[in-house]
Structure formats: C-alpha cells, structure tokens
Amino acid sequence: MSETTQPSASLQSRGRPKTRIGIVTSNKMQKTVVVTVHRRTAHSKYGKIINQRKKFKAHAEDHDYPAHVTLQEGDKVRIAETKPTSRDKRWRVVEILERGTQV
C-alpha cells in the first residue's frame, strides 16, 4: 500500500490576515492605540441599513506615548489581524493611510 501523507500545518500557508481601516480614537497607551472601525450592514430581519462600529486595540511598535508619539487621534490607519499580543490586543497597525487634523 502506498501511504499518502498530508503536509504538516507548519508547511501550509495560513492565508491572508483580516484587515480593517479605521480611525485612531485613543493613543494614550504605550505601544497600543484604539482604532474605531465603522461599517454599514443590513439588519438581519428588517433589512434596514444600519451603521455599526467596533473598537479594536492595535499594537503599534514605534508608538511610545509620553516620549515618542507617532500616531495621533484622528489618523486613518490600516490594521491587520495577528497572534494575541496581550489579553485585548489581536491586531497590529500596518500603515498610516492619512494623518488627522491637528487642533
């Protein structure tokens, strides 16, 4: 009999990570920002278009809050799913798409 072996999980690619685009709402933590993502969906029963929002804590490696602030509130960023960094963080900041207005 010939044996057919499946490639191990480490050899298979994991596919593309989920990405979201959102606005930075809080940057008051070290190496962490809160990103709010808005999306429009239809209500499951009634079909009305509703606006939904969700907040994600994302890891930003070069953001050190009091000393070296790289992300400001209002910046538009792209975040990608990653392995858990802490209890709440499962996302990381990939790129800054647009700088927010400074007040």
N, C-alpha and C. Protein backbone atom coordinates (compact mmCIF):
# COMPACT_ATOMS: atom_id res chain seq x y z
N MET A 1 0.82 -1.19 0.00
CA MET A 1 0.00 0.00 0.00
C MET A 1 0.87 1.25 0.00
N SER A 2 0.44 2.21 -0.74
CA SER A 2 1.17 3.47 -0.73
C SER A 2 0.56 4.39 0.33
N GLU A 3 1.43 5.06 1.00
CA GLU A 3 0.96 5.96 2.06
C GLU A 3 0.84 7.37 1.50
N THR A 4 -0.28 8.00 1.79
CA THR A 4 -0.43 9.40 1.41
C THR A 4 -0.34 10.22 2.68
N THR A 5 0.56 11.14 2.68
CA THR A 5 0.75 11.96 3.87
C THR A 5 0.30 13.38 3.57
N GLN A 6 -0.32 13.97 4.54
CA GLN A 6 -0.73 15.36 4.43
C GLN A 6 0.44 16.23 4.86
N PRO A 7 0.65 17.37 4.20
CA PRO A 7 1.71 18.26 4.66
C PRO A 7 1.36 18.80 6.05
N SER A 8 2.38 18.98 6.85
CA SER A 8 2.14 19.43 8.21
C SER A 8 1.58 20.84 8.22
N ALA A 9 1.02 21.22 9.34
CA ALA A 9 0.39 22.53 9.45
C ALA A 9 1.41 23.65 9.29
N SER A 10 2.66 23.40 9.67
CA SER A 10 3.67 24.45 9.56
C SER A 10 4.04 24.71 8.09
N LEU A 11 3.88 23.75 7.21
CA LEU A 11 4.22 23.94 5.81
C LEU A 11 3.10 24.62 5.03
N GLN A 12 1.87 24.48 5.48
CA GLN A 12 0.76 25.09 4.78
C GLN A 12 0.73 26.59 5.10
N SER A 13 0.34 27.39 4.11
CA SER A 13 0.25 28.82 4.37
C SER A 13 -1.03 29.10 5.15
N ARG A 14 -0.99 30.11 5.93
CA ARG A 14 -2.13 30.46 6.78
C ARG A 14 -3.13 31.34 6.05
N GLY A 15 -2.83 31.77 4.86
CA GLY A 15 -3.73 32.65 4.14
C GLY A 15 -3.48 34.10 4.52
N ARG A 16 -4.30 34.96 3.99
CA ARG A 16 -4.14 36.39 4.28
C ARG A 16 -4.80 36.74 5.60
N PRO A 17 -4.17 37.62 6.37
CA PRO A 17 -4.82 38.07 7.61
C PRO A 17 -5.95 39.05 7.29
N LYS A 18 -6.93 39.11 8.18
CA LYS A 18 -8.01 40.07 8.01
C LYS A 18 -7.45 41.47 8.20
N THR A 19 -7.92 42.41 7.41
CA THR A 19 -7.50 43.80 7.57
C THR A 19 -8.73 44.68 7.70
N ARG A 20 -8.59 45.77 8.42
CA ARG A 20 -9.66 46.75 8.60
C ARG A 20 -9.05 48.14 8.48
N ILE A 21 -9.87 49.11 8.09
CA ILE A 21 -9.44 50.51 8.04
C ILE A 21 -10.29 51.27 9.04
N GLY A 22 -9.63 52.05 9.89
CA GLY A 22 -10.36 52.77 10.92
C GLY A 22 -9.64 54.03 11.35
N ILE A 23 -10.23 54.71 12.32
CA ILE A 23 -9.73 55.97 12.83
C ILE A 23 -9.18 55.74 14.24
N VAL A 24 -8.01 56.31 14.54
CA VAL A 24 -7.44 56.21 15.88
C VAL A 24 -8.26 57.07 16.82
N THR A 25 -8.82 56.45 17.87
CA THR A 25 -9.62 57.18 18.84
C THR A 25 -8.88 57.47 20.12
N SER A 26 -7.90 56.65 20.46
CA SER A 26 -7.12 56.89 21.68
C SER A 26 -5.68 56.45 21.44
N ASN A 27 -4.75 57.28 21.88
CA ASN A 27 -3.34 56.95 21.74
C ASN A 27 -2.62 57.13 23.08
N LYS A 28 -3.32 56.96 24.18
CA LYS A 28 -2.77 57.26 25.49
C LYS A 28 -2.09 56.08 26.16
N MET A 29 -1.77 55.03 25.41
CA MET A 29 -1.10 53.87 25.97
C MET A 29 0.24 53.67 25.28
N GLN A 30 1.14 52.99 25.95
CA GLN A 30 2.43 52.71 25.34
C GLN A 30 2.29 51.54 24.37
N LYS A 31 2.73 51.74 23.14
CA LYS A 31 2.73 50.73 22.08
C LYS A 31 1.34 50.20 21.74
N THR A 32 0.29 50.93 22.11
CA THR A 32 -1.08 50.49 21.84
C THR A 32 -1.92 51.70 21.44
N VAL A 33 -2.78 51.52 20.44
CA VAL A 33 -3.75 52.53 20.07
C VAL A 33 -5.11 51.86 19.96
N VAL A 34 -6.17 52.64 20.17
CA VAL A 34 -7.53 52.14 19.99
C VAL A 34 -8.02 52.66 18.65
N VAL A 35 -8.46 51.73 17.80
CA VAL A 35 -8.91 52.07 16.45
C VAL A 35 -10.40 51.74 16.35
N THR A 36 -11.20 52.72 15.93
CA THR A 36 -12.63 52.50 15.74
C THR A 36 -12.90 52.26 14.26
N VAL A 37 -13.57 51.14 13.98
CA VAL A 37 -13.89 50.76 12.61
C VAL A 37 -15.40 50.87 12.43
N HIS A 38 -15.82 51.64 11.43
CA HIS A 38 -17.24 51.80 11.11
C HIS A 38 -17.58 50.94 9.90
N ARG A 39 -18.76 50.34 9.92
CA ARG A 39 -19.23 49.58 8.75
C ARG A 39 -20.73 49.69 8.65
N ARG A 40 -21.22 49.58 7.42
CA ARG A 40 -22.66 49.66 7.15
C ARG A 40 -23.14 48.27 6.76
N THR A 41 -24.16 47.78 7.46
CA THR A 41 -24.71 46.46 7.16
C THR A 41 -26.23 46.54 7.16
N ALA A 42 -26.84 45.56 6.56
CA ALA A 42 -28.29 45.47 6.56
C ALA A 42 -28.73 44.70 7.80
N HIS A 43 -29.81 45.14 8.43
CA HIS A 43 -30.36 44.44 9.58
C HIS A 43 -30.80 43.05 9.12
N SER A 44 -30.55 42.05 9.96
CA SER A 44 -30.80 40.67 9.53
C SER A 44 -32.28 40.38 9.31
N LYS A 45 -33.15 41.00 10.08
CA LYS A 45 -34.59 40.72 9.94
C LYS A 45 -35.30 41.75 9.08
N TYR A 46 -35.02 43.03 9.30
CA TYR A 46 -35.80 44.09 8.66
C TYR A 46 -35.14 44.66 7.41
N GLY A 47 -33.86 44.43 7.22
CA GLY A 47 -33.20 44.88 6.01
C GLY A 47 -32.79 46.33 5.99
N LYS A 48 -33.09 47.08 7.04
CA LYS A 48 -32.69 48.49 7.09
C LYS A 48 -31.17 48.58 7.20
N ILE A 49 -30.59 49.53 6.47
CA ILE A 49 -29.15 49.74 6.53
C ILE A 49 -28.82 50.47 7.83
N ILE A 50 -27.92 49.88 8.61
CA ILE A 50 -27.53 50.47 9.89
C ILE A 50 -26.03 50.64 9.93
N ASN A 51 -25.59 51.65 10.69
CA ASN A 51 -24.16 51.89 10.87
C ASN A 51 -23.72 51.21 12.15
N GLN A 52 -22.67 50.42 12.06
CA GLN A 52 -22.14 49.74 13.24
C GLN A 52 -20.69 50.15 13.42
N ARG A 53 -20.24 50.17 14.68
CA ARG A 53 -18.84 50.47 14.94
C ARG A 53 -18.30 49.49 15.95
N LYS A 54 -17.01 49.25 15.86
CA LYS A 54 -16.34 48.35 16.78
C LYS A 54 -14.97 48.92 17.07
N LYS A 55 -14.55 48.80 18.32
CA LYS A 55 -13.24 49.31 18.72
C LYS A 55 -12.27 48.15 18.85
N PHE A 56 -11.08 48.33 18.29
CA PHE A 56 -10.02 47.34 18.37
C PHE A 56 -8.81 47.98 19.02
N LYS A 57 -8.14 47.24 19.91
CA LYS A 57 -6.85 47.68 20.41
C LYS A 57 -5.80 47.09 19.50
N ALA A 58 -4.94 47.96 18.97
CA ALA A 58 -3.94 47.52 18.00
C ALA A 58 -2.54 47.85 18.50
N HIS A 59 -1.61 46.98 18.17
CA HIS A 59 -0.22 47.15 18.58
C HIS A 59 0.50 48.06 17.59
N ALA A 60 1.16 49.09 18.12
CA ALA A 60 1.98 49.98 17.30
C ALA A 60 3.37 50.00 17.92
N GLU A 61 4.31 49.34 17.26
CA GLU A 61 5.64 49.12 17.86
C GLU A 61 6.39 50.41 18.14
N ASP A 62 6.35 51.38 17.22
CA ASP A 62 7.15 52.60 17.39
C ASP A 62 6.42 53.70 18.16
N HIS A 63 5.25 53.42 18.72
CA HIS A 63 4.47 54.41 19.45
C HIS A 63 4.76 54.27 20.95
N ASP A 64 5.43 55.27 21.52
CA ASP A 64 5.71 55.27 22.96
C ASP A 64 5.09 56.54 23.50
N TYR A 65 3.97 56.43 24.21
CA TYR A 65 3.08 57.57 24.44
C TYR A 65 3.73 58.84 24.99
N PRO A 66 4.26 58.85 26.17
CA PRO A 66 4.68 60.19 26.62
C PRO A 66 5.91 60.72 25.89
N ALA A 67 6.82 59.85 25.51
CA ALA A 67 8.09 60.31 24.95
C ALA A 67 8.04 60.49 23.44
N HIS A 68 7.57 59.49 22.71
CA HIS A 68 7.67 59.49 21.24
C HIS A 68 6.31 59.09 20.66
N VAL A 69 5.47 60.07 20.37
CA VAL A 69 4.13 59.81 19.86
C VAL A 69 4.17 59.80 18.33
N THR A 70 3.85 58.66 17.72
CA THR A 70 3.86 58.57 16.26
C THR A 70 2.46 58.59 15.67
N LEU A 71 1.46 58.16 16.43
CA LEU A 71 0.08 58.15 15.95
C LEU A 71 -0.75 59.14 16.77
N GLN A 72 -1.48 59.98 16.07
CA GLN A 72 -2.34 60.96 16.74
C GLN A 72 -3.80 60.53 16.62
N GLU A 73 -4.64 61.05 17.50
CA GLU A 73 -6.07 60.79 17.39
C GLU A 73 -6.57 61.43 16.10
N GLY A 74 -7.38 60.70 15.36
CA GLY A 74 -7.91 61.18 14.09
C GLY A 74 -7.17 60.63 12.89
N ASP A 75 -6.04 59.96 13.09
CA ASP A 75 -5.32 59.36 11.97
C ASP A 75 -6.10 58.18 11.42
N LYS A 76 -6.10 58.04 10.10
CA LYS A 76 -6.73 56.89 9.45
C LYS A 76 -5.66 55.83 9.23
N VAL A 77 -5.88 54.62 9.78
CA VAL A 77 -4.86 53.57 9.72
C VAL A 77 -5.46 52.27 9.21
N ARG A 78 -4.57 51.41 8.72
CA ARG A 78 -4.97 50.05 8.34
C ARG A 78 -4.41 49.12 9.41
N ILE A 79 -5.27 48.24 9.95
CA ILE A 79 -4.83 47.27 10.95
C ILE A 79 -5.01 45.87 10.39
N ALA A 80 -4.17 44.96 10.84
CA ALA A 80 -4.22 43.57 10.36
C ALA A 80 -4.28 42.64 11.57
N GLU A 81 -4.95 41.53 11.40
CA GLU A 81 -5.07 40.54 12.45
C GLU A 81 -3.73 39.86 12.67
N THR A 82 -3.41 39.56 13.93
CA THR A 82 -2.15 38.91 14.26
C THR A 82 -2.37 38.03 15.48
N LYS A 83 -1.35 37.32 15.88
CA LYS A 83 -1.49 36.47 17.07
C LYS A 83 -1.68 37.36 18.30
N PRO A 84 -2.32 36.86 19.34
CA PRO A 84 -2.58 37.70 20.52
C PRO A 84 -1.30 38.23 21.14
N THR A 85 -1.26 39.54 21.32
CA THR A 85 -0.13 40.20 21.95
C THR A 85 -0.34 40.34 23.46
N SER A 86 -1.60 40.54 23.85
CA SER A 86 -1.95 40.64 25.26
C SER A 86 -3.40 40.17 25.39
N ARG A 87 -4.01 40.46 26.53
CA ARG A 87 -5.37 39.98 26.75
C ARG A 87 -6.35 40.58 25.74
N ASP A 88 -6.15 41.85 25.38
CA ASP A 88 -7.08 42.54 24.50
C ASP A 88 -6.58 42.73 23.07
N LYS A 89 -5.28 42.68 22.85
CA LYS A 89 -4.72 43.03 21.54
C LYS A 89 -4.56 41.81 20.65
N ARG A 90 -5.28 41.84 19.51
CA ARG A 90 -5.14 40.81 18.48
C ARG A 90 -4.90 41.44 17.11
N TRP A 91 -4.63 42.73 17.07
CA TRP A 91 -4.44 43.47 15.83
C TRP A 91 -3.16 44.28 15.91
N ARG A 92 -2.59 44.63 14.75
CA ARG A 92 -1.42 45.48 14.72
C ARG A 92 -1.60 46.53 13.62
N VAL A 93 -0.99 47.68 13.82
CA VAL A 93 -1.08 48.76 12.85
C VAL A 93 -0.11 48.45 11.72
N VAL A 94 -0.63 48.39 10.50
CA VAL A 94 0.18 48.07 9.33
C VAL A 94 0.71 49.35 8.69
N GLU A 95 -0.18 50.32 8.46
CA GLU A 95 0.25 51.56 7.82
C GLU A 95 -0.68 52.70 8.19
N ILE A 96 -0.15 53.90 8.07
CA ILE A 96 -0.94 55.11 8.28
C ILE A 96 -1.38 55.57 6.90
N LEU A 97 -2.70 55.61 6.70
CA LEU A 97 -3.21 55.99 5.39
C LEU A 97 -3.33 57.51 5.26
N GLU A 98 -3.72 58.17 6.35
CA GLU A 98 -4.00 59.61 6.28
C GLU A 98 -3.82 60.20 7.66
N ARG A 99 -3.15 61.32 7.75
CA ARG A 99 -2.97 62.00 9.03
C ARG A 99 -4.20 62.79 9.39
N GLY A 100 -4.57 62.79 10.67
CA GLY A 100 -5.71 63.56 11.14
C GLY A 100 -5.34 65.04 11.23
N THR A 101 -6.35 65.87 11.40
CA THR A 101 -6.10 67.32 11.50
C THR A 101 -5.67 67.63 12.93
N GLN A 102 -4.66 68.47 13.05
CA GLN A 102 -4.18 68.89 14.37
C GLN A 102 -4.98 70.12 14.81
N VAL A 103 -5.47 70.07 16.04
CA VAL A 103 -6.28 71.18 16.54
C VAL A 103 -5.45 72.08 17.41
